Amino acid sequence: MNLKYILAGLVVATTANSPDETLARARDYAFQPVSVEVKKGEDVTIAVRLIRKVTRKPVVDAVVTPVRIDMAGMAEMTSPVTVLPASEPGVYAFKTNLSMEGRWRFSVTAKVPGERDAVVGRVVLKATQ
């Protein structure tokens, strides 16, 4: 056996098992609400943070797109969502109308630079009085 091939194999095996940023996949990311509770009403600002699960650090350079927001248990009750400018690195903000108190599901996608697949997530928010 050639020592060069053994060492090359060890490098490949170590790299394949390391939590290196270049080896991340869409399932390695998660959306988190900045605030779980928001006031109901018109022009409500909601914000999410996209994090890399391994590092728990926010992803600052993703392109985040809202898919829809609907009331939990009433999928037909939706509201339009518009993108707002970022308030801080790694936080993605949106404006919507939450007409009723209760739980709302916010579906969102993100394209992270260097990742082949889009990150798809859902965040549950509670609209309060």
N, C-alpha and C. Protein backbone atom coordinates (compact mmCIF):
# COMPACT_ATOMS: atom_id res chain seq x y z
N MET A 1 0.84 -1.18 0.00
CA MET A 1 0.00 0.00 0.00
C MET A 1 0.89 1.24 0.00
N ASN A 2 0.41 2.21 -0.68
CA ASN A 2 1.12 3.47 -0.77
C ASN A 2 0.61 4.42 0.30
N LEU A 3 1.52 4.96 1.09
CA LEU A 3 1.15 5.87 2.18
C LEU A 3 0.41 7.10 1.67
N LYS A 4 0.75 7.54 0.49
CA LYS A 4 0.09 8.72 -0.10
C LYS A 4 -1.41 8.48 -0.27
N TYR A 5 -1.80 7.29 -0.72
CA TYR A 5 -3.22 6.97 -0.93
C TYR A 5 -3.97 6.81 0.40
N ILE A 6 -3.29 6.28 1.40
CA ILE A 6 -3.91 6.13 2.71
C ILE A 6 -4.20 7.51 3.31
N LEU A 7 -3.20 8.40 3.24
CA LEU A 7 -3.40 9.75 3.77
C LEU A 7 -4.48 10.50 3.01
N ALA A 8 -4.52 10.33 1.69
CA ALA A 8 -5.57 10.98 0.89
C ALA A 8 -6.95 10.46 1.30
N GLY A 9 -7.07 9.18 1.55
CA GLY A 9 -8.34 8.60 2.00
C GLY A 9 -8.77 9.14 3.35
N LEU A 10 -7.81 9.32 4.26
CA LEU A 10 -8.14 9.89 5.57
C LEU A 10 -8.61 11.33 5.45
N VAL A 11 -7.99 12.10 4.58
CA VAL A 11 -8.40 13.49 4.37
C VAL A 11 -9.82 13.54 3.84
N VAL A 12 -10.13 12.69 2.87
CA VAL A 12 -11.48 12.66 2.30
C VAL A 12 -12.50 12.24 3.36
N ALA A 13 -12.19 11.23 4.14
CA ALA A 13 -13.12 10.76 5.18
C ALA A 13 -13.33 11.82 6.25
N THR A 14 -12.29 12.50 6.66
CA THR A 14 -12.41 13.55 7.66
C THR A 14 -13.22 14.72 7.14
N THR A 15 -12.96 15.12 5.91
CA THR A 15 -13.69 16.23 5.31
C THR A 15 -15.16 15.90 5.15
N ALA A 16 -15.50 14.68 4.77
CA ALA A 16 -16.89 14.29 4.56
C ALA A 16 -17.68 14.31 5.86
N ASN A 17 -17.00 14.13 7.00
CA ASN A 17 -17.72 14.09 8.28
C ASN A 17 -17.61 15.39 9.06
N SER A 18 -16.94 16.39 8.53
CA SER A 18 -16.79 17.64 9.28
C SER A 18 -17.96 18.57 9.02
N PRO A 19 -18.29 19.44 9.99
CA PRO A 19 -19.39 20.38 9.80
C PRO A 19 -18.93 21.64 9.05
N ASP A 20 -18.21 21.46 7.99
CA ASP A 20 -17.70 22.59 7.22
C ASP A 20 -18.83 23.30 6.49
N GLU A 21 -18.75 24.62 6.41
CA GLU A 21 -19.78 25.43 5.75
C GLU A 21 -20.01 24.97 4.31
N THR A 22 -18.97 24.54 3.63
CA THR A 22 -19.12 24.17 2.21
C THR A 22 -19.89 22.88 2.02
N LEU A 23 -20.08 22.12 3.08
CA LEU A 23 -20.78 20.84 2.95
C LEU A 23 -22.21 20.89 3.50
N ALA A 24 -22.71 22.05 3.81
CA ALA A 24 -24.06 22.18 4.36
C ALA A 24 -25.10 21.84 3.29
N ARG A 25 -26.27 21.49 3.73
CA ARG A 25 -27.42 21.20 2.86
C ARG A 25 -28.61 21.99 3.38
N ALA A 26 -29.66 22.04 2.59
CA ALA A 26 -30.85 22.81 2.98
C ALA A 26 -31.40 22.38 4.33
N ARG A 27 -31.32 21.12 4.66
CA ARG A 27 -31.85 20.64 5.94
C ARG A 27 -30.98 21.07 7.13
N ASP A 28 -29.82 21.66 6.84
CA ASP A 28 -28.93 22.12 7.89
C ASP A 28 -29.26 23.53 8.38
N TYR A 29 -30.34 24.10 7.87
CA TYR A 29 -30.76 25.46 8.22
C TYR A 29 -32.16 25.41 8.83
N ALA A 30 -32.48 26.43 9.61
CA ALA A 30 -33.81 26.52 10.20
C ALA A 30 -34.21 27.98 10.34
N PHE A 31 -35.51 28.22 10.20
CA PHE A 31 -36.07 29.54 10.45
C PHE A 31 -36.56 29.60 11.89
N GLN A 32 -36.34 30.73 12.54
CA GLN A 32 -36.83 30.96 13.89
C GLN A 32 -37.54 32.30 13.92
N PRO A 33 -38.65 32.39 14.65
CA PRO A 33 -39.29 33.70 14.78
C PRO A 33 -38.44 34.59 15.69
N VAL A 34 -38.34 35.86 15.36
CA VAL A 34 -37.65 36.80 16.25
C VAL A 34 -38.52 37.01 17.49
N SER A 35 -39.83 37.08 17.28
CA SER A 35 -40.79 37.17 18.37
C SER A 35 -41.95 36.23 18.05
N VAL A 36 -42.29 35.37 18.98
CA VAL A 36 -43.37 34.41 18.76
C VAL A 36 -44.73 35.10 18.82
N GLU A 37 -44.85 36.13 19.66
CA GLU A 37 -46.12 36.85 19.79
C GLU A 37 -46.03 38.21 19.10
N VAL A 38 -47.08 38.52 18.35
CA VAL A 38 -47.20 39.83 17.69
C VAL A 38 -48.62 40.35 17.90
N LYS A 39 -48.78 41.65 17.83
CA LYS A 39 -50.12 42.23 17.96
C LYS A 39 -50.90 42.00 16.67
N LYS A 40 -52.17 41.67 16.80
CA LYS A 40 -53.00 41.53 15.61
C LYS A 40 -53.25 42.91 15.01
N GLY A 41 -53.61 42.94 13.74
CA GLY A 41 -53.93 44.21 13.12
C GLY A 41 -53.38 44.32 11.71
N GLU A 42 -53.50 45.52 11.15
CA GLU A 42 -53.00 45.78 9.81
C GLU A 42 -51.55 46.25 9.89
N ASP A 43 -50.82 46.00 8.84
CA ASP A 43 -49.41 46.41 8.75
C ASP A 43 -48.58 45.92 9.93
N VAL A 44 -48.74 44.66 10.25
CA VAL A 44 -47.97 44.02 11.32
C VAL A 44 -46.60 43.62 10.75
N THR A 45 -45.57 43.91 11.50
CA THR A 45 -44.23 43.48 11.09
C THR A 45 -43.90 42.17 11.79
N ILE A 46 -43.53 41.19 10.99
CA ILE A 46 -43.05 39.92 11.54
C ILE A 46 -41.62 39.74 11.05
N ALA A 47 -40.82 39.07 11.83
CA ALA A 47 -39.42 38.88 11.47
C ALA A 47 -38.98 37.47 11.81
N VAL A 48 -38.14 36.92 10.94
CA VAL A 48 -37.59 35.60 11.15
C VAL A 48 -36.07 35.68 11.05
N ARG A 49 -35.45 34.73 11.67
CA ARG A 49 -34.00 34.60 11.61
C ARG A 49 -33.73 33.24 10.94
N LEU A 50 -32.82 33.23 9.98
CA LEU A 50 -32.39 31.99 9.36
C LEU A 50 -31.05 31.63 9.99
N ILE A 51 -30.98 30.43 10.58
CA ILE A 51 -29.73 30.02 11.23
C ILE A 51 -29.20 28.74 10.61
N ARG A 52 -27.91 28.57 10.73
CA ARG A 52 -27.26 27.30 10.39
C ARG A 52 -27.28 26.48 11.66
N LYS A 53 -27.90 25.30 11.64
CA LYS A 53 -28.13 24.51 12.85
C LYS A 53 -26.84 24.15 13.59
N VAL A 54 -25.80 23.78 12.87
CA VAL A 54 -24.57 23.34 13.50
C VAL A 54 -23.90 24.46 14.29
N THR A 55 -23.86 25.64 13.71
CA THR A 55 -23.17 26.76 14.36
C THR A 55 -24.09 27.63 15.20
N ARG A 56 -25.41 27.51 14.97
CA ARG A 56 -26.43 28.35 15.62
C ARG A 56 -26.26 29.83 15.28
N LYS A 57 -25.52 30.12 14.22
CA LYS A 57 -25.29 31.50 13.80
C LYS A 57 -26.27 31.89 12.70
N PRO A 58 -26.67 33.16 12.68
CA PRO A 58 -27.58 33.61 11.62
C PRO A 58 -26.89 33.64 10.26
N VAL A 59 -27.68 33.39 9.23
CA VAL A 59 -27.21 33.47 7.85
C VAL A 59 -27.55 34.86 7.36
N VAL A 60 -26.53 35.63 6.98
CA VAL A 60 -26.75 37.04 6.66
C VAL A 60 -26.93 37.33 5.18
N ASP A 61 -26.57 36.43 4.31
CA ASP A 61 -26.58 36.74 2.88
C ASP A 61 -27.57 35.91 2.07
N ALA A 62 -28.60 35.41 2.71
CA ALA A 62 -29.61 34.61 2.01
C ALA A 62 -30.63 35.53 1.33
N VAL A 63 -31.29 34.99 0.32
CA VAL A 63 -32.42 35.68 -0.30
C VAL A 63 -33.66 34.97 0.22
N VAL A 64 -34.40 35.66 1.09
CA VAL A 64 -35.56 35.06 1.76
C VAL A 64 -36.83 35.57 1.11
N THR A 65 -37.71 34.64 0.77
CA THR A 65 -38.95 34.96 0.06
C THR A 65 -40.15 34.41 0.82
N PRO A 66 -41.13 35.25 1.10
CA PRO A 66 -42.34 34.74 1.76
C PRO A 66 -43.15 33.91 0.78
N VAL A 67 -43.74 32.84 1.28
CA VAL A 67 -44.60 31.99 0.45
C VAL A 67 -46.06 32.31 0.75
N ARG A 68 -46.41 32.25 2.03
CA ARG A 68 -47.78 32.59 2.45
C ARG A 68 -47.85 32.65 3.96
N ILE A 69 -48.89 33.31 4.42
CA ILE A 69 -49.22 33.28 5.85
C ILE A 69 -50.70 32.95 5.93
N ASP A 70 -51.02 31.98 6.77
CA ASP A 70 -52.42 31.60 6.95
C ASP A 70 -52.66 31.28 8.41
N MET A 71 -53.93 31.36 8.77
CA MET A 71 -54.31 31.07 10.15
C MET A 71 -54.32 29.56 10.34
N ALA A 72 -53.69 29.10 11.41
CA ALA A 72 -53.65 27.67 11.71
C ALA A 72 -55.07 27.13 11.86
N GLY A 73 -55.38 26.08 11.17
CA GLY A 73 -56.71 25.50 11.22
C GLY A 73 -57.69 26.11 10.24
N MET A 74 -57.31 27.19 9.59
CA MET A 74 -58.16 27.85 8.58
C MET A 74 -57.28 28.23 7.39
N ALA A 75 -56.85 27.24 6.64
CA ALA A 75 -55.90 27.46 5.55
C ALA A 75 -56.41 28.47 4.52
N GLU A 76 -57.73 28.62 4.42
CA GLU A 76 -58.28 29.58 3.45
C GLU A 76 -58.16 31.03 3.94
N MET A 77 -57.86 31.21 5.23
CA MET A 77 -57.70 32.57 5.77
C MET A 77 -56.23 32.97 5.64
N THR A 78 -55.94 33.66 4.54
CA THR A 78 -54.57 34.09 4.26
C THR A 78 -54.47 35.60 4.27
N SER A 79 -53.26 36.08 4.18
CA SER A 79 -53.03 37.52 4.15
C SER A 79 -51.83 37.78 3.24
N PRO A 80 -51.82 38.89 2.52
CA PRO A 80 -50.66 39.20 1.69
C PRO A 80 -49.44 39.52 2.56
N VAL A 81 -48.26 39.24 2.03
CA VAL A 81 -47.02 39.47 2.75
C VAL A 81 -46.07 40.23 1.83
N THR A 82 -45.45 41.29 2.35
CA THR A 82 -44.45 42.03 1.58
C THR A 82 -43.13 42.04 2.35
N VAL A 83 -42.05 42.08 1.61
CA VAL A 83 -40.71 42.08 2.19
C VAL A 83 -40.35 43.50 2.65
N LEU A 84 -39.75 43.59 3.81
CA LEU A 84 -39.25 44.86 4.36
C LEU A 84 -37.72 44.84 4.35
N PRO A 85 -37.11 46.00 4.39
CA PRO A 85 -35.64 46.03 4.49
C PRO A 85 -35.18 45.38 5.80
N ALA A 86 -34.00 44.79 5.75
CA ALA A 86 -33.45 44.13 6.94
C ALA A 86 -33.15 45.14 8.03
N SER A 87 -33.52 44.80 9.25
CA SER A 87 -33.27 45.68 10.40
C SER A 87 -31.93 45.38 11.06
N GLU A 88 -31.46 44.14 10.90
CA GLU A 88 -30.17 43.74 11.44
C GLU A 88 -29.69 42.52 10.65
N PRO A 89 -28.39 42.27 10.64
CA PRO A 89 -27.87 41.14 9.87
C PRO A 89 -28.48 39.81 10.30
N GLY A 90 -28.93 39.04 9.34
CA GLY A 90 -29.49 37.73 9.63
C GLY A 90 -30.95 37.73 10.00
N VAL A 91 -31.58 38.90 10.07
CA VAL A 91 -33.01 38.99 10.39
C VAL A 91 -33.74 39.47 9.15
N TYR A 92 -34.79 38.76 8.78
CA TYR A 92 -35.55 39.06 7.58
C TYR A 92 -36.97 39.46 8.01
N ALA A 93 -37.37 40.66 7.62
CA ALA A 93 -38.64 41.23 8.10
C ALA A 93 -39.67 41.31 6.98
N PHE A 94 -40.94 41.23 7.37
CA PHE A 94 -42.06 41.24 6.44
C PHE A 94 -43.22 42.00 7.05
N LYS A 95 -44.08 42.51 6.20
CA LYS A 95 -45.28 43.20 6.64
C LYS A 95 -46.49 42.40 6.16
N THR A 96 -47.48 42.26 7.05
CA THR A 96 -48.68 41.52 6.71
C THR A 96 -49.84 42.04 7.56
N ASN A 97 -51.01 41.49 7.33
CA ASN A 97 -52.20 41.80 8.13
C ASN A 97 -52.60 40.54 8.88
N LEU A 98 -52.74 40.66 10.17
CA LEU A 98 -53.21 39.55 11.00
C LEU A 98 -54.55 39.99 11.58
N SER A 99 -55.61 39.58 10.92
CA SER A 99 -56.94 40.10 11.23
C SER A 99 -57.57 39.53 12.49
N MET A 100 -57.08 38.39 12.95
CA MET A 100 -57.67 37.76 14.13
C MET A 100 -56.59 37.33 15.11
N GLU A 101 -57.00 37.24 16.37
CA GLU A 101 -56.10 36.65 17.37
C GLU A 101 -56.00 35.16 17.10
N GLY A 102 -54.87 34.60 17.43
CA GLY A 102 -54.68 33.16 17.28
C GLY A 102 -53.35 32.83 16.64
N ARG A 103 -53.22 31.56 16.28
CA ARG A 103 -51.97 31.07 15.69
C ARG A 103 -51.98 31.26 14.18
N TRP A 104 -50.88 31.79 13.65
CA TRP A 104 -50.69 32.00 12.22
C TRP A 104 -49.44 31.26 11.78
N ARG A 105 -49.52 30.60 10.61
CA ARG A 105 -48.37 29.88 10.05
C ARG A 105 -47.77 30.71 8.93
N PHE A 106 -46.50 30.99 9.04
CA PHE A 106 -45.78 31.75 8.04
C PHE A 106 -44.82 30.81 7.32
N SER A 107 -45.09 30.59 6.04
CA SER A 107 -44.24 29.73 5.21
C SER A 107 -43.28 30.61 4.42
N VAL A 108 -42.02 30.20 4.40
CA VAL A 108 -40.97 31.03 3.81
C VAL A 108 -39.90 30.13 3.18
N THR A 109 -39.22 30.65 2.17
CA THR A 109 -38.10 29.93 1.56
C THR A 109 -36.88 30.84 1.54
N ALA A 110 -35.72 30.22 1.42
CA ALA A 110 -34.48 30.99 1.33
C ALA A 110 -33.52 30.32 0.37
N LYS A 111 -32.83 31.13 -0.36
CA LYS A 111 -31.74 30.65 -1.20
C LYS A 111 -30.45 31.11 -0.53
N VAL A 112 -29.68 30.16 -0.06
CA VAL A 112 -28.42 30.44 0.61
C VAL A 112 -27.30 30.29 -0.41
N PRO A 113 -26.46 31.31 -0.55
CA PRO A 113 -25.37 31.21 -1.52
C PRO A 113 -24.52 29.96 -1.30
N GLY A 114 -24.25 29.27 -2.39
CA GLY A 114 -23.45 28.05 -2.33
C GLY A 114 -24.24 26.79 -2.10
N GLU A 115 -25.52 26.92 -1.78
CA GLU A 115 -26.36 25.74 -1.56
C GLU A 115 -27.17 25.45 -2.82
N ARG A 116 -27.28 24.21 -3.16
CA ARG A 116 -28.00 23.80 -4.35
C ARG A 116 -29.51 23.92 -4.17
N ASP A 117 -30.01 23.49 -3.03
CA ASP A 117 -31.45 23.47 -2.77
C ASP A 117 -31.89 24.66 -1.93
N ALA A 118 -33.12 25.06 -2.12
CA ALA A 118 -33.69 26.13 -1.31
C ALA A 118 -34.04 25.59 0.07
N VAL A 119 -33.94 26.44 1.06
CA VAL A 119 -34.35 26.12 2.42
C VAL A 119 -35.83 26.47 2.52
N VAL A 120 -36.63 25.53 2.97
CA VAL A 120 -38.07 25.74 3.11
C VAL A 120 -38.42 25.62 4.58
N GLY A 121 -39.18 26.57 5.09
CA GLY A 121 -39.52 26.51 6.50
C GLY A 121 -40.88 27.07 6.80
N ARG A 122 -41.33 26.82 8.01
CA ARG A 122 -42.60 27.33 8.50
C ARG A 122 -42.41 27.75 9.94
N VAL A 123 -42.90 28.94 10.23
CA VAL A 123 -42.80 29.50 11.58
C VAL A 123 -44.23 29.76 12.06
N VAL A 124 -44.51 29.40 13.30
CA VAL A 124 -45.83 29.64 13.87
C VAL A 124 -45.74 30.84 14.80
N LEU A 125 -46.64 31.78 14.57
CA LEU A 125 -46.71 33.01 15.36
C LEU A 125 -48.06 33.06 16.07
N LYS A 126 -48.11 33.80 17.16
CA LYS A 126 -49.38 33.97 17.88
C LYS A 126 -49.75 35.46 17.84
N ALA A 127 -50.88 35.74 17.21
CA ALA A 127 -51.39 37.13 17.19
C ALA A 127 -52.20 37.34 18.44
N THR A 128 -51.90 38.45 19.14
CA THR A 128 -52.58 38.76 20.38
C THR A 128 -53.30 40.11 20.27
N GLN A 129 -54.15 40.39 21.22
CA GLN A 129 -54.92 41.65 21.25
C GLN A 129 -54.04 42.85 21.34
